[in-house]
Amino acid sequence: MPDGRTLNTGTLDLTLATNLGNVPITLDRSLAACNVNAVQSLASNGFYDGTQCHRLTNSANLSVLQCGDPTLTGMGGPGWNTPDEDPTGLKEVPIDPQMAAMGMSQQTVIYPRGTIAIANSNSAEQGRANTGSAQFFIVTKDSTLTPTLAVVGHVDDAGMKIIDQVAKGGIVPTATGSAEDGTPKLPLQIKTASVA
């Protein structure tokens, strides 16, 4: 678990050394200081070493590669959670007037291609918050989501070439998944994650 002191300015270089080559990532503390600190601590302590990206989604509104779970189940983590740090400055998607009239509208935003954000299992209906931790996703195409996922940085252009290979490789549907959501056919294994 990271120590209590959190820097809130500056960037860090995170490198995922994978079976397909290095994926360079720039982490930006000004976006989500606590979550960047958590990723830095997890990488520095070898949490991501020897893990594999376990989920690939490619639908009309959501295209992401999810990583950071040693169990490959979507449920694994380090045993502690990070606080919610909602993103700011993302482009809002206009609310559908018909949905708004029925009281069914929720603001959504565009998470741009290359964004790294922290996965969570928050649920306003169930009063569940602050559920992020180690799992993160890489946005492979601009995606529409609620603004509730902490943005910690972005994958550099060289790294996106590798992520694109995985995305183009296709999806193996899981028992609960679909043709648009499952396990990557082309595995991306994180041999080591290092921060500089």
N, C-alpha and C. Protein backbone atom coordinates (compact mmCIF):
# COMPACT_ATOMS: atom_id res chain seq x y z
N MET A 1 0.85 -1.18 0.00
CA MET A 1 0.00 0.00 0.00
C MET A 1 0.89 1.24 0.00
N PRO A 2 0.55 2.26 -0.80
CA PRO A 2 1.39 3.46 -0.82
C PRO A 2 1.38 4.17 0.53
N ASP A 3 2.45 4.92 0.80
CA ASP A 3 2.47 5.67 2.05
C ASP A 3 1.47 6.82 1.97
N GLY A 4 1.25 7.50 3.08
CA GLY A 4 0.23 8.52 3.14
C GLY A 4 0.55 9.81 2.43
N ARG A 5 1.81 10.02 2.08
CA ARG A 5 2.21 11.28 1.45
C ARG A 5 2.03 11.16 -0.05
N THR A 6 1.21 12.03 -0.64
CA THR A 6 0.93 11.95 -2.06
C THR A 6 1.33 13.24 -2.76
N LEU A 7 2.22 13.13 -3.73
CA LEU A 7 2.58 14.28 -4.56
C LEU A 7 1.45 14.51 -5.55
N ASN A 8 1.14 15.78 -5.84
CA ASN A 8 0.03 16.05 -6.76
C ASN A 8 0.46 16.83 -8.00
N THR A 9 1.76 16.88 -8.25
CA THR A 9 2.26 17.50 -9.49
C THR A 9 3.35 16.63 -10.09
N GLY A 10 3.59 16.83 -11.38
CA GLY A 10 4.66 16.11 -12.06
C GLY A 10 4.19 14.84 -12.73
N THR A 11 5.06 14.31 -13.55
CA THR A 11 4.75 13.07 -14.28
C THR A 11 5.77 11.99 -13.94
N LEU A 12 5.38 10.76 -14.21
CA LEU A 12 6.24 9.60 -14.02
C LEU A 12 6.21 8.78 -15.30
N ASP A 13 7.29 8.12 -15.61
CA ASP A 13 7.34 7.22 -16.75
C ASP A 13 7.18 5.79 -16.25
N LEU A 14 6.11 5.14 -16.69
CA LEU A 14 5.86 3.74 -16.36
C LEU A 14 6.10 2.93 -17.62
N THR A 15 6.92 1.90 -17.52
CA THR A 15 7.18 1.04 -18.67
C THR A 15 6.70 -0.37 -18.36
N LEU A 16 5.79 -0.86 -19.20
CA LEU A 16 5.36 -2.25 -19.11
C LEU A 16 6.20 -3.04 -20.10
N ALA A 17 7.08 -3.88 -19.60
CA ALA A 17 7.86 -4.77 -20.47
C ALA A 17 7.01 -6.00 -20.72
N THR A 18 6.55 -6.17 -21.96
CA THR A 18 5.60 -7.24 -22.27
C THR A 18 6.19 -8.25 -23.26
N ASN A 19 5.46 -9.32 -23.48
CA ASN A 19 5.86 -10.34 -24.45
C ASN A 19 5.85 -9.80 -25.88
N LEU A 20 5.20 -8.65 -26.12
CA LEU A 20 5.13 -8.06 -27.46
C LEU A 20 6.01 -6.82 -27.59
N GLY A 21 6.74 -6.47 -26.54
CA GLY A 21 7.60 -5.29 -26.55
C GLY A 21 7.22 -4.33 -25.43
N ASN A 22 7.97 -3.25 -25.30
CA ASN A 22 7.73 -2.30 -24.23
C ASN A 22 6.54 -1.38 -24.53
N VAL A 23 5.73 -1.15 -23.52
CA VAL A 23 4.61 -0.22 -23.61
C VAL A 23 4.93 0.96 -22.68
N PRO A 24 5.40 2.09 -23.25
CA PRO A 24 5.69 3.25 -22.41
C PRO A 24 4.42 4.04 -22.10
N ILE A 25 4.31 4.43 -20.82
CA ILE A 25 3.14 5.14 -20.31
C ILE A 25 3.60 6.37 -19.54
N THR A 26 2.91 7.47 -19.72
CA THR A 26 3.17 8.66 -18.92
C THR A 26 2.06 8.80 -17.89
N LEU A 27 2.42 8.73 -16.61
CA LEU A 27 1.48 8.95 -15.52
C LEU A 27 1.53 10.41 -15.12
N ASP A 28 0.38 11.02 -14.88
CA ASP A 28 0.30 12.45 -14.57
C ASP A 28 -0.38 12.63 -13.22
N ARG A 29 0.42 13.01 -12.20
CA ARG A 29 -0.13 13.16 -10.85
C ARG A 29 -1.24 14.21 -10.77
N SER A 30 -1.19 15.22 -11.64
CA SER A 30 -2.19 16.30 -11.57
C SER A 30 -3.59 15.81 -11.94
N LEU A 31 -3.69 14.66 -12.60
CA LEU A 31 -4.99 14.12 -13.01
C LEU A 31 -5.69 13.37 -11.88
N ALA A 32 -4.93 12.59 -11.13
CA ALA A 32 -5.49 11.76 -10.05
C ALA A 32 -4.34 11.33 -9.14
N ALA A 33 -3.93 12.22 -8.27
CA ALA A 33 -2.71 12.02 -7.48
C ALA A 33 -2.70 10.73 -6.68
N CYS A 34 -3.79 10.42 -6.00
CA CYS A 34 -3.82 9.22 -5.16
C CYS A 34 -3.73 7.95 -6.00
N ASN A 35 -4.43 7.92 -7.11
CA ASN A 35 -4.41 6.73 -7.96
C ASN A 35 -3.07 6.57 -8.68
N VAL A 36 -2.45 7.67 -9.09
CA VAL A 36 -1.11 7.58 -9.68
C VAL A 36 -0.13 7.06 -8.64
N ASN A 37 -0.25 7.54 -7.41
CA ASN A 37 0.62 7.08 -6.34
C ASN A 37 0.44 5.58 -6.10
N ALA A 38 -0.80 5.12 -6.19
CA ALA A 38 -1.08 3.69 -6.01
C ALA A 38 -0.43 2.86 -7.12
N VAL A 39 -0.58 3.30 -8.37
CA VAL A 39 0.03 2.58 -9.49
C VAL A 39 1.55 2.56 -9.34
N GLN A 40 2.13 3.69 -8.95
CA GLN A 40 3.58 3.76 -8.74
C GLN A 40 4.02 2.76 -7.67
N SER A 41 3.30 2.72 -6.57
CA SER A 41 3.64 1.81 -5.48
C SER A 41 3.50 0.35 -5.91
N LEU A 42 2.41 0.02 -6.60
CA LEU A 42 2.19 -1.35 -7.05
C LEU A 42 3.27 -1.78 -8.04
N ALA A 43 3.61 -0.90 -8.98
CA ALA A 43 4.65 -1.23 -9.96
C ALA A 43 6.00 -1.40 -9.27
N SER A 44 6.31 -0.51 -8.36
CA SER A 44 7.61 -0.55 -7.66
C SER A 44 7.75 -1.79 -6.79
N ASN A 45 6.62 -2.34 -6.34
CA ASN A 45 6.66 -3.53 -5.48
C ASN A 45 6.38 -4.83 -6.24
N GLY A 46 6.39 -4.77 -7.58
CA GLY A 46 6.28 -5.98 -8.39
C GLY A 46 4.89 -6.56 -8.52
N PHE A 47 3.84 -5.81 -8.14
CA PHE A 47 2.48 -6.36 -8.20
C PHE A 47 2.08 -6.75 -9.62
N TYR A 48 2.47 -5.94 -10.60
CA TYR A 48 2.05 -6.19 -11.99
C TYR A 48 2.95 -7.21 -12.71
N ASP A 49 4.10 -7.52 -12.13
CA ASP A 49 5.05 -8.42 -12.78
C ASP A 49 4.43 -9.82 -12.93
N GLY A 50 4.55 -10.37 -14.14
CA GLY A 50 4.04 -11.72 -14.39
C GLY A 50 2.54 -11.80 -14.55
N THR A 51 1.88 -10.66 -14.76
CA THR A 51 0.42 -10.67 -14.96
C THR A 51 0.09 -10.58 -16.44
N GLN A 52 -1.17 -10.77 -16.75
CA GLN A 52 -1.63 -10.73 -18.14
C GLN A 52 -2.89 -9.88 -18.24
N CYS A 53 -3.01 -9.12 -19.31
CA CYS A 53 -4.23 -8.34 -19.52
C CYS A 53 -5.37 -9.31 -19.80
N HIS A 54 -6.43 -9.21 -19.01
CA HIS A 54 -7.43 -10.28 -18.98
C HIS A 54 -8.72 -9.98 -19.72
N ARG A 55 -8.95 -8.72 -20.11
CA ARG A 55 -10.24 -8.39 -20.73
C ARG A 55 -10.04 -7.45 -21.89
N LEU A 56 -10.73 -7.74 -22.99
CA LEU A 56 -10.73 -6.88 -24.17
C LEU A 56 -12.19 -6.64 -24.55
N THR A 57 -12.54 -5.37 -24.67
CA THR A 57 -13.89 -5.00 -25.07
C THR A 57 -13.80 -4.14 -26.32
N ASN A 58 -14.64 -4.44 -27.29
CA ASN A 58 -14.66 -3.66 -28.53
C ASN A 58 -16.10 -3.54 -29.01
N SER A 59 -16.82 -2.54 -28.46
CA SER A 59 -18.20 -2.32 -28.86
C SER A 59 -18.32 -0.91 -29.43
N ALA A 60 -19.52 -0.53 -29.79
CA ALA A 60 -19.73 0.77 -30.42
C ALA A 60 -19.30 1.93 -29.52
N ASN A 61 -19.53 1.81 -28.20
CA ASN A 61 -19.22 2.91 -27.29
C ASN A 61 -18.06 2.65 -26.35
N LEU A 62 -17.57 1.41 -26.29
CA LEU A 62 -16.52 1.07 -25.34
C LEU A 62 -15.49 0.16 -25.98
N SER A 63 -14.24 0.63 -26.04
CA SER A 63 -13.14 -0.17 -26.59
C SER A 63 -11.95 -0.03 -25.65
N VAL A 64 -11.72 -1.07 -24.84
CA VAL A 64 -10.65 -1.01 -23.84
C VAL A 64 -9.97 -2.36 -23.68
N LEU A 65 -8.72 -2.30 -23.21
CA LEU A 65 -7.96 -3.48 -22.79
C LEU A 65 -7.73 -3.32 -21.30
N GLN A 66 -8.19 -4.30 -20.50
CA GLN A 66 -8.09 -4.20 -19.06
C GLN A 66 -6.98 -5.10 -18.53
N CYS A 67 -6.18 -4.55 -17.61
CA CYS A 67 -5.01 -5.23 -17.08
C CYS A 67 -4.95 -5.02 -15.56
N GLY A 68 -3.96 -5.66 -14.93
CA GLY A 68 -3.68 -5.40 -13.52
C GLY A 68 -4.33 -6.34 -12.53
N ASP A 69 -4.84 -7.49 -13.01
CA ASP A 69 -5.47 -8.46 -12.12
C ASP A 69 -4.73 -9.79 -12.21
N PRO A 70 -3.93 -10.13 -11.19
CA PRO A 70 -3.17 -11.39 -11.23
C PRO A 70 -4.06 -12.62 -11.32
N THR A 71 -5.33 -12.52 -10.89
CA THR A 71 -6.23 -13.69 -10.91
C THR A 71 -6.90 -13.89 -12.27
N LEU A 72 -6.83 -12.88 -13.16
CA LEU A 72 -7.47 -12.91 -14.49
C LEU A 72 -8.99 -13.03 -14.42
N THR A 73 -9.58 -12.69 -13.27
CA THR A 73 -11.02 -12.84 -13.09
C THR A 73 -11.78 -11.52 -13.13
N GLY A 74 -11.05 -10.41 -13.02
CA GLY A 74 -11.70 -9.11 -12.88
C GLY A 74 -12.01 -8.78 -11.43
N MET A 75 -11.66 -9.68 -10.53
CA MET A 75 -11.95 -9.50 -9.10
C MET A 75 -10.68 -9.33 -8.25
N GLY A 76 -9.52 -9.55 -8.85
CA GLY A 76 -8.27 -9.54 -8.07
C GLY A 76 -7.76 -8.15 -7.78
N GLY A 77 -7.05 -8.03 -6.68
CA GLY A 77 -6.47 -6.74 -6.30
C GLY A 77 -5.49 -6.91 -5.17
N PRO A 78 -4.92 -5.80 -4.69
CA PRO A 78 -3.90 -5.88 -3.66
C PRO A 78 -4.44 -5.98 -2.24
N GLY A 79 -5.77 -5.90 -2.07
CA GLY A 79 -6.34 -5.98 -0.74
C GLY A 79 -6.67 -4.63 -0.14
N TRP A 80 -6.52 -3.58 -0.91
CA TRP A 80 -6.89 -2.23 -0.46
C TRP A 80 -7.43 -1.47 -1.66
N ASN A 81 -8.12 -0.37 -1.39
CA ASN A 81 -8.75 0.40 -2.45
C ASN A 81 -8.24 1.83 -2.48
N THR A 82 -8.46 2.48 -3.62
CA THR A 82 -8.06 3.87 -3.80
C THR A 82 -9.30 4.76 -3.79
N PRO A 83 -9.12 6.03 -3.44
CA PRO A 83 -10.27 6.94 -3.43
C PRO A 83 -10.70 7.33 -4.83
N ASP A 84 -11.96 7.67 -4.98
CA ASP A 84 -12.47 8.17 -6.25
C ASP A 84 -11.83 9.52 -6.56
N GLU A 85 -11.37 9.67 -7.77
CA GLU A 85 -10.85 10.95 -8.27
C GLU A 85 -11.42 11.13 -9.67
N ASP A 86 -12.65 11.67 -9.72
CA ASP A 86 -13.35 11.79 -10.99
C ASP A 86 -12.57 12.70 -11.94
N PRO A 87 -12.53 12.33 -13.22
CA PRO A 87 -11.78 13.13 -14.19
C PRO A 87 -12.46 14.46 -14.48
N THR A 88 -11.66 15.41 -14.85
CA THR A 88 -12.18 16.71 -15.29
C THR A 88 -11.62 16.99 -16.68
N GLY A 89 -12.30 17.85 -17.41
CA GLY A 89 -11.79 18.28 -18.71
C GLY A 89 -12.06 17.32 -19.85
N LEU A 90 -12.80 16.24 -19.63
CA LEU A 90 -13.14 15.34 -20.73
C LEU A 90 -14.37 15.88 -21.44
N LYS A 91 -14.43 15.66 -22.75
CA LYS A 91 -15.53 16.18 -23.56
C LYS A 91 -16.84 15.48 -23.19
N GLU A 92 -17.86 16.29 -22.86
CA GLU A 92 -19.17 15.74 -22.51
C GLU A 92 -19.94 15.33 -23.76
N VAL A 93 -20.69 14.24 -23.63
CA VAL A 93 -21.56 13.78 -24.70
C VAL A 93 -22.94 14.39 -24.45
N PRO A 94 -23.55 15.01 -25.47
CA PRO A 94 -24.87 15.61 -25.27
C PRO A 94 -25.88 14.57 -24.76
N ILE A 95 -26.69 14.98 -23.79
CA ILE A 95 -27.70 14.07 -23.22
C ILE A 95 -28.88 13.99 -24.18
N ASP A 96 -29.36 12.77 -24.41
CA ASP A 96 -30.51 12.53 -25.28
C ASP A 96 -31.76 13.14 -24.62
N PRO A 97 -32.41 14.10 -25.27
CA PRO A 97 -33.59 14.76 -24.67
C PRO A 97 -34.70 13.79 -24.29
N GLN A 98 -34.91 12.74 -25.08
CA GLN A 98 -35.96 11.76 -24.76
C GLN A 98 -35.64 11.01 -23.49
N MET A 99 -34.37 10.63 -23.33
CA MET A 99 -33.95 9.93 -22.12
C MET A 99 -34.06 10.86 -20.91
N ALA A 100 -33.68 12.13 -21.09
CA ALA A 100 -33.76 13.10 -20.00
C ALA A 100 -35.20 13.31 -19.56
N ALA A 101 -36.13 13.33 -20.52
CA ALA A 101 -37.54 13.53 -20.21
C ALA A 101 -38.10 12.38 -19.38
N MET A 102 -37.52 11.19 -19.55
CA MET A 102 -37.97 10.02 -18.79
C MET A 102 -37.18 9.85 -17.50
N GLY A 103 -36.29 10.81 -17.22
CA GLY A 103 -35.49 10.73 -16.00
C GLY A 103 -34.42 9.66 -16.04
N MET A 104 -34.03 9.25 -17.24
CA MET A 104 -33.07 8.16 -17.40
C MET A 104 -31.73 8.63 -17.96
N SER A 105 -31.41 9.88 -17.78
CA SER A 105 -30.17 10.36 -18.37
C SER A 105 -29.07 10.43 -17.33
N GLN A 106 -27.90 10.07 -17.75
CA GLN A 106 -26.72 10.21 -16.90
C GLN A 106 -25.63 10.79 -17.78
N GLN A 107 -24.95 11.79 -17.27
CA GLN A 107 -23.91 12.44 -18.06
C GLN A 107 -22.82 11.45 -18.43
N THR A 108 -22.41 11.45 -19.68
CA THR A 108 -21.29 10.64 -20.13
C THR A 108 -20.26 11.55 -20.79
N VAL A 109 -19.03 11.04 -20.84
CA VAL A 109 -17.92 11.79 -21.42
C VAL A 109 -17.13 10.87 -22.33
N ILE A 110 -16.27 11.48 -23.13
CA ILE A 110 -15.39 10.72 -24.02
C ILE A 110 -14.05 10.52 -23.33
N TYR A 111 -13.68 9.26 -23.12
CA TYR A 111 -12.33 8.92 -22.68
C TYR A 111 -11.53 8.70 -23.97
N PRO A 112 -10.55 9.58 -24.27
CA PRO A 112 -9.85 9.48 -25.55
C PRO A 112 -8.95 8.24 -25.66
N ARG A 113 -8.75 7.83 -26.90
CA ARG A 113 -7.82 6.74 -27.22
C ARG A 113 -6.48 6.99 -26.53
N GLY A 114 -5.93 5.94 -25.95
CA GLY A 114 -4.64 6.04 -25.28
C GLY A 114 -4.72 6.36 -23.80
N THR A 115 -5.92 6.73 -23.33
CA THR A 115 -6.10 7.05 -21.92
C THR A 115 -5.90 5.81 -21.05
N ILE A 116 -5.27 6.00 -19.90
CA ILE A 116 -5.17 4.95 -18.87
C ILE A 116 -6.08 5.40 -17.73
N ALA A 117 -7.03 4.56 -17.36
CA ALA A 117 -7.95 4.89 -16.26
C ALA A 117 -8.05 3.69 -15.32
N ILE A 118 -8.41 3.98 -14.09
CA ILE A 118 -8.52 2.94 -13.06
C ILE A 118 -9.92 2.34 -13.08
N ALA A 119 -9.99 1.02 -13.19
CA ALA A 119 -11.27 0.32 -13.16
C ALA A 119 -11.82 0.35 -11.74
N ASN A 120 -13.14 0.38 -11.62
CA ASN A 120 -13.76 0.29 -10.30
C ASN A 120 -15.10 -0.42 -10.42
N SER A 121 -15.64 -0.75 -9.26
CA SER A 121 -16.97 -1.40 -9.23
C SER A 121 -17.94 -0.54 -8.44
N ASN A 122 -17.80 0.76 -8.56
CA ASN A 122 -18.69 1.69 -7.87
C ASN A 122 -20.14 1.47 -8.31
N SER A 123 -21.06 1.73 -7.39
CA SER A 123 -22.49 1.66 -7.70
C SER A 123 -23.21 2.67 -6.83
N ALA A 124 -23.72 3.74 -7.46
CA ALA A 124 -24.46 4.76 -6.71
C ALA A 124 -25.71 4.15 -6.08
N GLU A 125 -26.37 3.25 -6.80
CA GLU A 125 -27.59 2.62 -6.31
C GLU A 125 -27.33 1.82 -5.04
N GLN A 126 -26.16 1.18 -4.97
CA GLN A 126 -25.83 0.35 -3.82
C GLN A 126 -24.97 1.08 -2.80
N GLY A 127 -24.71 2.36 -3.05
CA GLY A 127 -23.90 3.14 -2.12
C GLY A 127 -22.44 2.71 -2.07
N ARG A 128 -21.96 2.14 -3.16
CA ARG A 128 -20.58 1.64 -3.22
C ARG A 128 -19.70 2.65 -3.92
N ALA A 129 -18.64 3.09 -3.25
CA ALA A 129 -17.72 4.08 -3.82
C ALA A 129 -16.29 3.73 -3.41
N ASN A 130 -15.34 4.43 -4.02
CA ASN A 130 -13.92 4.25 -3.68
C ASN A 130 -13.47 2.80 -3.81
N THR A 131 -13.79 2.18 -4.96
CA THR A 131 -13.50 0.75 -5.15
C THR A 131 -12.37 0.50 -6.15
N GLY A 132 -11.69 1.55 -6.60
CA GLY A 132 -10.55 1.34 -7.49
C GLY A 132 -9.39 0.74 -6.73
N SER A 133 -8.41 0.19 -7.45
CA SER A 133 -7.16 -0.26 -6.82
C SER A 133 -6.13 -0.49 -7.90
N ALA A 134 -5.83 -1.74 -8.22
CA ALA A 134 -4.73 -2.04 -9.13
C ALA A 134 -5.14 -2.15 -10.60
N GLN A 135 -6.40 -2.52 -10.85
CA GLN A 135 -6.80 -2.78 -12.24
C GLN A 135 -6.95 -1.47 -13.01
N PHE A 136 -6.45 -1.49 -14.22
CA PHE A 136 -6.53 -0.31 -15.08
C PHE A 136 -6.92 -0.75 -16.47
N PHE A 137 -7.45 0.20 -17.23
CA PHE A 137 -7.73 -0.12 -18.62
C PHE A 137 -7.12 0.92 -19.53
N ILE A 138 -6.80 0.45 -20.71
CA ILE A 138 -6.23 1.28 -21.76
C ILE A 138 -7.30 1.45 -22.83
N VAL A 139 -7.65 2.68 -23.13
CA VAL A 139 -8.70 2.96 -24.12
C VAL A 139 -8.10 2.78 -25.51
N THR A 140 -8.65 1.84 -26.29
CA THR A 140 -8.11 1.56 -27.62
C THR A 140 -8.74 2.42 -28.71
N LYS A 141 -9.99 2.86 -28.49
CA LYS A 141 -10.68 3.83 -29.36
C LYS A 141 -11.47 4.75 -28.45
N ASP A 142 -11.67 6.01 -28.85
CA ASP A 142 -12.45 6.93 -28.04
C ASP A 142 -13.70 6.21 -27.52
N SER A 143 -13.94 6.27 -26.21
CA SER A 143 -15.02 5.52 -25.58
C SER A 143 -15.89 6.42 -24.73
N THR A 144 -17.19 6.09 -24.69
CA THR A 144 -18.17 6.87 -23.93
C THR A 144 -18.47 6.16 -22.61
N LEU A 145 -18.19 6.87 -21.51
CA LEU A 145 -18.40 6.32 -20.18
C LEU A 145 -18.88 7.42 -19.24
N THR A 146 -19.39 7.02 -18.07
CA THR A 146 -19.70 8.02 -17.06
C THR A 146 -18.37 8.55 -16.51
N PRO A 147 -18.33 9.81 -16.07
CA PRO A 147 -17.07 10.40 -15.59
C PRO A 147 -16.77 9.99 -14.15
N THR A 148 -16.58 8.69 -13.95
CA THR A 148 -16.37 8.16 -12.60
C THR A 148 -15.11 7.31 -12.50
N LEU A 149 -14.29 7.31 -13.54
CA LEU A 149 -13.09 6.48 -13.57
C LEU A 149 -11.86 7.39 -13.58
N ALA A 150 -11.03 7.26 -12.57
CA ALA A 150 -9.86 8.12 -12.43
C ALA A 150 -8.90 7.94 -13.60
N VAL A 151 -8.57 9.04 -14.25
CA VAL A 151 -7.59 9.02 -15.34
C VAL A 151 -6.21 9.25 -14.73
N VAL A 152 -5.29 8.32 -14.98
CA VAL A 152 -3.95 8.43 -14.39
C VAL A 152 -2.87 8.80 -15.40
N GLY A 153 -3.19 8.74 -16.70
CA GLY A 153 -2.18 9.09 -17.69
C GLY A 153 -2.56 8.60 -19.07
N HIS A 154 -1.54 8.41 -19.90
CA HIS A 154 -1.79 7.95 -21.27
C HIS A 154 -0.64 7.08 -21.76
N VAL A 155 -0.99 6.18 -22.69
CA VAL A 155 0.01 5.34 -23.35
C VAL A 155 0.64 6.15 -24.46
N ASP A 156 1.96 6.14 -24.53
CA ASP A 156 2.67 6.86 -25.58
C ASP A 156 2.42 6.16 -26.93
N ASP A 157 2.68 6.87 -28.03
CA ASP A 157 2.39 6.36 -29.37
C ASP A 157 3.02 4.99 -29.64
N ALA A 158 4.26 4.81 -29.23
CA ALA A 158 4.95 3.52 -29.46
C ALA A 158 4.21 2.39 -28.75
N GLY A 159 3.70 2.66 -27.56
CA GLY A 159 2.97 1.65 -26.82
C GLY A 159 1.62 1.33 -27.44
N MET A 160 0.97 2.34 -28.03
CA MET A 160 -0.33 2.09 -28.64
C MET A 160 -0.22 1.16 -29.84
N LYS A 161 0.93 1.12 -30.50
CA LYS A 161 1.11 0.17 -31.61
C LYS A 161 0.99 -1.27 -31.10
N ILE A 162 1.51 -1.51 -29.90
CA ILE A 162 1.41 -2.85 -29.31
C ILE A 162 -0.02 -3.12 -28.85
N ILE A 163 -0.64 -2.14 -28.23
CA ILE A 163 -2.03 -2.30 -27.77
C ILE A 163 -2.94 -2.55 -28.97
N ASP A 164 -2.68 -1.86 -30.08
CA ASP A 164 -3.48 -2.06 -31.30
C ASP A 164 -3.36 -3.49 -31.81
N GLN A 165 -2.16 -4.08 -31.73
CA GLN A 165 -1.98 -5.48 -32.15
C GLN A 165 -2.91 -6.39 -31.36
N VAL A 166 -2.97 -6.17 -30.06
CA VAL A 166 -3.82 -7.00 -29.20
C VAL A 166 -5.29 -6.79 -29.56
N ALA A 167 -5.69 -5.53 -29.73
CA ALA A 167 -7.08 -5.22 -30.06
C ALA A 167 -7.48 -5.84 -31.39
N LYS A 168 -6.60 -5.77 -32.38
CA LYS A 168 -6.90 -6.32 -33.72
C LYS A 168 -6.87 -7.84 -33.71
N GLY A 169 -6.24 -8.45 -32.71
CA GLY A 169 -6.15 -9.91 -32.64
C GLY A 169 -7.48 -10.58 -32.39
N GLY A 170 -8.44 -9.82 -31.84
CA GLY A 170 -9.77 -10.38 -31.62
C GLY A 170 -10.02 -10.80 -30.18
N ILE A 171 -11.24 -11.27 -29.96
CA ILE A 171 -11.75 -11.58 -28.62
C ILE A 171 -12.21 -13.03 -28.53
N VAL A 172 -11.85 -13.69 -27.44
CA VAL A 172 -12.41 -14.99 -27.10
C VAL A 172 -13.50 -14.72 -26.05
N PRO A 173 -14.78 -14.91 -26.39
CA PRO A 173 -15.84 -14.63 -25.41
C PRO A 173 -15.70 -15.52 -24.18
N THR A 174 -15.90 -14.93 -23.00
CA THR A 174 -15.92 -15.72 -21.77
C THR A 174 -17.33 -16.26 -21.57
N ALA A 175 -17.53 -17.06 -20.53
CA ALA A 175 -18.85 -17.65 -20.28
C ALA A 175 -19.90 -16.56 -20.09
N THR A 176 -19.50 -15.44 -19.49
CA THR A 176 -20.44 -14.34 -19.27
C THR A 176 -20.25 -13.20 -20.27
N GLY A 177 -19.31 -13.38 -21.19
CA GLY A 177 -19.01 -12.32 -22.15
C GLY A 177 -19.79 -12.47 -23.45
N SER A 178 -19.34 -11.73 -24.46
CA SER A 178 -19.98 -11.78 -25.77
C SER A 178 -18.88 -11.66 -26.81
N ALA A 179 -19.28 -11.61 -28.07
CA ALA A 179 -18.30 -11.45 -29.14
C ALA A 179 -17.58 -10.11 -29.03
N GLU A 180 -18.16 -9.16 -28.28
CA GLU A 180 -17.56 -7.84 -28.11
C GLU A 180 -16.83 -7.68 -26.79
N ASP A 181 -16.87 -8.70 -25.92
CA ASP A 181 -16.30 -8.57 -24.58
C ASP A 181 -15.84 -9.93 -24.09
N GLY A 182 -14.52 -10.06 -23.89
CA GLY A 182 -13.98 -11.33 -23.42
C GLY A 182 -12.49 -11.23 -23.19
N THR A 183 -11.80 -12.33 -23.48
CA THR A 183 -10.35 -12.40 -23.30
C THR A 183 -9.65 -12.12 -24.63
N PRO A 184 -8.54 -11.38 -24.62
CA PRO A 184 -7.82 -11.16 -25.88
C PRO A 184 -7.31 -12.47 -26.48
N LYS A 185 -7.52 -12.66 -27.78
CA LYS A 185 -6.95 -13.83 -28.46
C LYS A 185 -5.43 -13.76 -28.47
N LEU A 186 -4.90 -12.56 -28.64
CA LEU A 186 -3.45 -12.35 -28.60
C LEU A 186 -3.09 -11.88 -27.20
N PRO A 187 -2.50 -12.76 -26.38
CA PRO A 187 -2.24 -12.39 -24.98
C PRO A 187 -1.20 -11.26 -24.87
N LEU A 188 -1.43 -10.38 -23.92
CA LEU A 188 -0.43 -9.36 -23.57
C LEU A 188 0.00 -9.65 -22.14
N GLN A 189 1.21 -10.17 -22.02
CA GLN A 189 1.75 -10.54 -20.71
C GLN A 189 2.70 -9.44 -20.25
N ILE A 190 2.48 -8.97 -19.04
CA ILE A 190 3.36 -7.95 -18.45
C ILE A 190 4.46 -8.70 -17.69
N LYS A 191 5.66 -8.68 -18.26
CA LYS A 191 6.78 -9.36 -17.59
C LYS A 191 7.20 -8.55 -16.37
N THR A 192 7.42 -7.25 -16.57
CA THR A 192 7.75 -6.36 -15.46
C THR A 192 7.12 -5.00 -15.72
N ALA A 193 6.86 -4.28 -14.63
CA ALA A 193 6.38 -2.90 -14.71
C ALA A 193 7.35 -2.07 -13.88
N SER A 194 7.94 -1.04 -14.50
CA SER A 194 8.94 -0.24 -13.79
C SER A 194 8.62 1.25 -13.94
N VAL A 195 8.89 2.00 -12.88
CA VAL A 195 8.61 3.43 -12.85
C VAL A 195 9.93 4.19 -12.74
N ALA A 196 10.02 5.26 -13.56
CA ALA A 196 11.23 6.11 -13.49
C ALA A 196 10.80 7.56 -13.28
